Amino acid sequence: MATIPSQASSVPAKAFLHVVDRDSGSMKQVLSSMTSGSQGGDFVFHYNPETVSIEKQTQFQDHPTQGSDSGEKEWTHGTSRTLQISELYFDTYEEKANVRTKYIDHLEKLAHFDPELHRPPKLLFLWGKFMAENDDYNSCQWYLQSVKVSYVMFLSDGTPVRAKVEISLVEATSVERQQQKDPQSPDHAKVYTVTRGDTLQSIAYREYDNPAEWRRIAEVNAIDDPLNIQPGTRLLVPPILK
């Protein structure tokens, strides 16, 4: 069963990137190769980031007014939010492994063009209560826009064993989705934590108002046995596209 990593309350929450477009054939190959630095195909950061910056800008047209220091401002449009995650460290010194092939290569693949999707894959950034399940920011999907890597430690043979990484994500939400007033509607992807007594049918009824849609949830999470879902498991609830 491929599911989003679950976090126990006594264990510090791990930050990770969840791939929304898991059904693409080429992305399945990428996810299946992510045996290191990942859980269930999600890219889990080796250490949590030190800083996370979110930037949102709006554009105004300035209308100069004679005799005034500044003119009237006319709002024209907004720009996509950007998410900057800095001071990400990946370390393989103790095991003497190549940090680039174990972690960085997999991370960079998430920024590559996918020939089936005709774009890079869409991602969710999740980290405990900061990017909590189903909050306004988590409802936003992202593209991995840039990856900056500084290799800061090497073995005597030149093998890189420590890397400091900065990544930038840009909002991938469509215009139609932005215009919807309810970010929790069935047209939005969500992350749902299974509780005791839940079934896929009950989750489908809760999210879609239709228990017959349980197969949609099973397929996107690669669930082979719909009767065997454990409490605490995080499931991606896909949108119903109209």
Foldseek 3Di string as FASTA:
>chain_A
DQFDDFDDPVDFWWKWKDFQPCPAPVLVVLQVPLPACDGSSIRTFPDAFPDKDKDWDWDWDFDDDPPDPGGDTHTDGIFWMKIKTFFGKAFQVVVQDQRCVNHVVSVVQQQDQDPVVRGRTKIFIDTDPVLDWPDPNRLWIKRWDDKDKDQDDADPVGRGGMITIMTMITTPDDPVQVPDPDSLALQTKTKDFDAPPDFLLVVCCVRVVGSVCSVVQCVSRVPPDRVDDDGRTITIRHHDDD
